[in-house]
Amino acid sequence: MVWAIFIVQWLHVLLGIFWFGSTLYVNFVLIPVTLSLPFEQQRAFSKRIGEMSDRLIAPAALLAIGLGLIRGTVFGPATSLDYLFGS
């Protein structure tokens, strides 16, 4: 049971770091660089970035959220909806 908590916790943290770091990189590095390109290159580059983001960042975000919920409910103190929404 301890190993399951360890694995869920670290996957949750790792995916959260990937999600947050990827979003920062896109917003502060890729978008400014893309805006300096000619319009046609911007469209092609943005299309590819969007496809990769949909394939990688969105699932990482959903898994980070899901594992956080699992960590708090199955392996944590939240055993009822009253605990989650009672305060």
N, C-alpha and C. Protein backbone atom coordinates (compact mmCIF):
# COMPACT_ATOMS: atom_id res chain seq x y z
N MET A 1 0.81 -1.20 0.00
CA MET A 1 0.00 0.00 0.00
C MET A 1 0.86 1.26 0.00
N VAL A 2 1.98 1.23 0.73
CA VAL A 2 2.86 2.39 0.78
C VAL A 2 3.45 2.67 -0.60
N TRP A 3 3.78 1.62 -1.34
CA TRP A 3 4.34 1.82 -2.68
C TRP A 3 3.32 2.42 -3.63
N ALA A 4 2.07 2.05 -3.48
CA ALA A 4 1.02 2.62 -4.33
C ALA A 4 0.89 4.12 -4.06
N ILE A 5 0.91 4.51 -2.80
CA ILE A 5 0.84 5.93 -2.45
C ILE A 5 2.05 6.67 -3.02
N PHE A 6 3.22 6.08 -2.89
CA PHE A 6 4.45 6.68 -3.40
C PHE A 6 4.37 6.89 -4.92
N ILE A 7 3.93 5.88 -5.62
CA ILE A 7 3.85 5.96 -7.09
C ILE A 7 2.82 7.00 -7.52
N VAL A 8 1.64 6.97 -6.91
CA VAL A 8 0.59 7.93 -7.27
C VAL A 8 1.05 9.36 -6.96
N GLN A 9 1.68 9.55 -5.81
CA GLN A 9 2.15 10.88 -5.42
C GLN A 9 3.18 11.41 -6.41
N TRP A 10 4.17 10.61 -6.76
CA TRP A 10 5.23 11.09 -7.64
C TRP A 10 4.78 11.23 -9.08
N LEU A 11 3.87 10.39 -9.54
CA LEU A 11 3.31 10.61 -10.87
C LEU A 11 2.50 11.90 -10.90
N HIS A 12 1.75 12.14 -9.85
CA HIS A 12 0.98 13.37 -9.74
C HIS A 12 1.90 14.60 -9.79
N VAL A 13 2.97 14.57 -9.03
CA VAL A 13 3.92 15.69 -9.00
C VAL A 13 4.63 15.84 -10.35
N LEU A 14 5.11 14.75 -10.90
CA LEU A 14 5.81 14.79 -12.19
C LEU A 14 4.92 15.33 -13.30
N LEU A 15 3.69 14.85 -13.37
CA LEU A 15 2.77 15.34 -14.41
C LEU A 15 2.39 16.80 -14.19
N GLY A 16 2.27 17.20 -12.92
CA GLY A 16 1.99 18.61 -12.64
C GLY A 16 3.13 19.51 -13.07
N ILE A 17 4.36 19.08 -12.82
CA ILE A 17 5.53 19.84 -13.26
C ILE A 17 5.57 19.92 -14.78
N PHE A 18 5.31 18.81 -15.45
CA PHE A 18 5.30 18.79 -16.91
C PHE A 18 4.24 19.74 -17.45
N TRP A 19 3.05 19.70 -16.89
CA TRP A 19 1.94 20.54 -17.32
C TRP A 19 2.29 22.02 -17.14
N PHE A 20 2.69 22.38 -15.94
CA PHE A 20 2.99 23.78 -15.64
C PHE A 20 4.20 24.27 -16.43
N GLY A 21 5.26 23.48 -16.48
CA GLY A 21 6.46 23.88 -17.21
C GLY A 21 6.22 24.01 -18.70
N SER A 22 5.45 23.10 -19.26
CA SER A 22 5.14 23.17 -20.69
C SER A 22 4.34 24.41 -21.02
N THR A 23 3.38 24.74 -20.16
CA THR A 23 2.56 25.93 -20.39
C THR A 23 3.40 27.19 -20.31
N LEU A 24 4.30 27.26 -19.32
CA LEU A 24 5.18 28.43 -19.23
C LEU A 24 6.08 28.55 -20.45
N TYR A 25 6.64 27.42 -20.90
CA TYR A 25 7.53 27.44 -22.05
C TYR A 25 6.79 27.92 -23.30
N VAL A 26 5.59 27.41 -23.51
CA VAL A 26 4.80 27.82 -24.68
C VAL A 26 4.50 29.32 -24.60
N ASN A 27 4.06 29.79 -23.43
CA ASN A 27 3.63 31.18 -23.32
C ASN A 27 4.78 32.18 -23.38
N PHE A 28 5.92 31.84 -22.80
CA PHE A 28 6.99 32.82 -22.70
C PHE A 28 8.14 32.63 -23.69
N VAL A 29 8.19 31.48 -24.37
CA VAL A 29 9.25 31.25 -25.35
C VAL A 29 8.68 31.05 -26.75
N LEU A 30 7.83 30.05 -26.91
CA LEU A 30 7.36 29.72 -28.25
C LEU A 30 6.47 30.79 -28.88
N ILE A 31 5.56 31.35 -28.12
CA ILE A 31 4.66 32.35 -28.70
C ILE A 31 5.43 33.61 -29.14
N PRO A 32 6.33 34.18 -28.31
CA PRO A 32 7.09 35.34 -28.81
C PRO A 32 7.95 35.02 -30.03
N VAL A 33 8.55 33.85 -30.06
CA VAL A 33 9.35 33.47 -31.23
C VAL A 33 8.45 33.32 -32.46
N THR A 34 7.31 32.72 -32.28
CA THR A 34 6.39 32.51 -33.39
C THR A 34 5.91 33.85 -33.95
N LEU A 35 5.67 34.82 -33.10
CA LEU A 35 5.19 36.12 -33.57
C LEU A 35 6.23 36.86 -34.41
N SER A 36 7.48 36.48 -34.30
CA SER A 36 8.52 37.13 -35.10
C SER A 36 8.66 36.52 -36.50
N LEU A 37 7.96 35.42 -36.75
CA LEU A 37 8.03 34.77 -38.06
C LEU A 37 7.04 35.40 -39.05
N PRO A 38 7.28 35.21 -40.35
CA PRO A 38 6.28 35.63 -41.33
C PRO A 38 4.96 34.88 -41.11
N PHE A 39 3.85 35.49 -41.54
CA PHE A 39 2.52 34.98 -41.22
C PHE A 39 2.32 33.53 -41.65
N GLU A 40 2.74 33.16 -42.84
CA GLU A 40 2.54 31.77 -43.31
C GLU A 40 3.31 30.77 -42.45
N GLN A 41 4.51 31.13 -42.04
CA GLN A 41 5.29 30.25 -41.16
C GLN A 41 4.65 30.18 -39.77
N GLN A 42 4.08 31.29 -39.32
CA GLN A 42 3.37 31.29 -38.03
C GLN A 42 2.23 30.28 -38.04
N ARG A 43 1.47 30.28 -39.12
CA ARG A 43 0.33 29.36 -39.22
C ARG A 43 0.78 27.91 -39.20
N ALA A 44 1.81 27.58 -39.98
CA ALA A 44 2.29 26.20 -40.02
C ALA A 44 2.87 25.77 -38.68
N PHE A 45 3.68 26.64 -38.09
CA PHE A 45 4.30 26.33 -36.80
C PHE A 45 3.25 26.19 -35.70
N SER A 46 2.31 27.13 -35.65
CA SER A 46 1.27 27.10 -34.62
C SER A 46 0.39 25.86 -34.75
N LYS A 47 0.15 25.43 -35.97
CA LYS A 47 -0.66 24.22 -36.19
C LYS A 47 0.04 23.00 -35.58
N ARG A 48 1.33 22.87 -35.84
CA ARG A 48 2.11 21.73 -35.30
C ARG A 48 2.20 21.80 -33.78
N ILE A 49 2.43 22.98 -33.24
CA ILE A 49 2.50 23.14 -31.78
C ILE A 49 1.16 22.78 -31.16
N GLY A 50 0.08 23.22 -31.77
CA GLY A 50 -1.25 22.89 -31.27
C GLY A 50 -1.52 21.40 -31.26
N GLU A 51 -1.09 20.72 -32.32
CA GLU A 51 -1.28 19.26 -32.39
C GLU A 51 -0.49 18.55 -31.29
N MET A 52 0.74 18.96 -31.09
CA MET A 52 1.57 18.34 -30.05
C MET A 52 1.04 18.66 -28.66
N SER A 53 0.57 19.88 -28.46
CA SER A 53 0.02 20.25 -27.17
C SER A 53 -1.22 19.42 -26.85
N ASP A 54 -2.08 19.23 -27.84
CA ASP A 54 -3.27 18.41 -27.63
C ASP A 54 -2.90 16.97 -27.29
N ARG A 55 -1.83 16.47 -27.86
CA ARG A 55 -1.41 15.09 -27.61
C ARG A 55 -0.68 14.90 -26.30
N LEU A 56 0.04 15.93 -25.82
CA LEU A 56 0.88 15.76 -24.65
C LEU A 56 0.43 16.53 -23.42
N ILE A 57 0.20 17.83 -23.57
CA ILE A 57 -0.08 18.66 -22.40
C ILE A 57 -1.46 18.38 -21.82
N ALA A 58 -2.47 18.26 -22.67
CA ALA A 58 -3.83 18.01 -22.17
C ALA A 58 -3.92 16.69 -21.39
N PRO A 59 -3.40 15.57 -21.91
CA PRO A 59 -3.45 14.34 -21.11
C PRO A 59 -2.65 14.43 -19.81
N ALA A 60 -1.51 15.12 -19.84
CA ALA A 60 -0.72 15.28 -18.62
C ALA A 60 -1.51 16.06 -17.58
N ALA A 61 -2.21 17.10 -18.02
CA ALA A 61 -3.03 17.89 -17.09
C ALA A 61 -4.16 17.06 -16.50
N LEU A 62 -4.86 16.32 -17.35
CA LEU A 62 -5.97 15.49 -16.86
C LEU A 62 -5.48 14.40 -15.91
N LEU A 63 -4.35 13.78 -16.24
CA LEU A 63 -3.80 12.76 -15.34
C LEU A 63 -3.33 13.35 -14.02
N ALA A 64 -2.73 14.54 -14.06
CA ALA A 64 -2.30 15.19 -12.82
C ALA A 64 -3.49 15.49 -11.92
N ILE A 65 -4.56 15.99 -12.50
CA ILE A 65 -5.77 16.27 -11.73
C ILE A 65 -6.38 14.98 -11.20
N GLY A 66 -6.48 13.97 -12.06
CA GLY A 66 -7.06 12.69 -11.65
C GLY A 66 -6.26 12.02 -10.55
N LEU A 67 -4.94 12.01 -10.69
CA LEU A 67 -4.11 11.40 -9.65
C LEU A 67 -4.16 12.20 -8.35
N GLY A 68 -4.33 13.51 -8.44
CA GLY A 68 -4.50 14.31 -7.24
C GLY A 68 -5.78 13.95 -6.50
N LEU A 69 -6.84 13.73 -7.26
CA LEU A 69 -8.10 13.30 -6.64
C LEU A 69 -7.96 11.91 -6.03
N ILE A 70 -7.30 11.02 -6.73
CA ILE A 70 -7.07 9.67 -6.19
C ILE A 70 -6.22 9.74 -4.93
N ARG A 71 -5.19 10.58 -4.97
CA ARG A 71 -4.29 10.73 -3.81
C ARG A 71 -5.05 11.26 -2.60
N GLY A 72 -6.01 12.15 -2.83
CA GLY A 72 -6.75 12.71 -1.72
C GLY A 72 -7.88 11.84 -1.22
N THR A 73 -8.46 11.02 -2.10
CA THR A 73 -9.61 10.22 -1.69
C THR A 73 -9.24 8.79 -1.35
N VAL A 74 -8.73 8.06 -2.31
CA VAL A 74 -8.41 6.64 -2.11
C VAL A 74 -7.26 6.48 -1.12
N PHE A 75 -6.20 7.25 -1.29
CA PHE A 75 -5.01 7.13 -0.44
C PHE A 75 -4.88 8.24 0.59
N GLY A 76 -5.91 9.05 0.74
CA GLY A 76 -5.79 10.20 1.64
C GLY A 76 -6.93 10.31 2.62
N PRO A 77 -7.06 11.50 3.21
CA PRO A 77 -8.03 11.68 4.29
C PRO A 77 -9.46 11.92 3.81
N ALA A 78 -9.67 12.27 2.56
CA ALA A 78 -11.02 12.60 2.08
C ALA A 78 -11.79 11.30 1.81
N THR A 79 -12.64 10.95 2.73
CA THR A 79 -13.40 9.70 2.60
C THR A 79 -14.85 9.92 2.24
N SER A 80 -15.30 11.17 2.22
CA SER A 80 -16.69 11.45 1.86
C SER A 80 -16.78 12.80 1.15
N LEU A 81 -17.92 13.03 0.50
CA LEU A 81 -18.12 14.31 -0.16
C LEU A 81 -18.25 15.44 0.86
N ASP A 82 -18.73 15.14 2.06
CA ASP A 82 -18.81 16.15 3.10
C ASP A 82 -17.42 16.68 3.45
N TYR A 83 -16.45 15.80 3.46
CA TYR A 83 -15.07 16.22 3.75
C TYR A 83 -14.56 17.16 2.66
N LEU A 84 -14.89 16.84 1.40
CA LEU A 84 -14.41 17.64 0.28
C LEU A 84 -15.10 18.99 0.18
N PHE A 85 -16.42 19.02 0.38
CA PHE A 85 -17.18 20.24 0.15
C PHE A 85 -17.77 20.83 1.42
N GLY A 86 -17.42 20.32 2.58
CA GLY A 86 -18.03 20.75 3.83
C GLY A 86 -17.47 22.05 4.40
N SER A 87 -16.31 22.46 3.99
CA SER A 87 -15.74 23.68 4.61
C SER A 87 -16.00 24.91 3.79
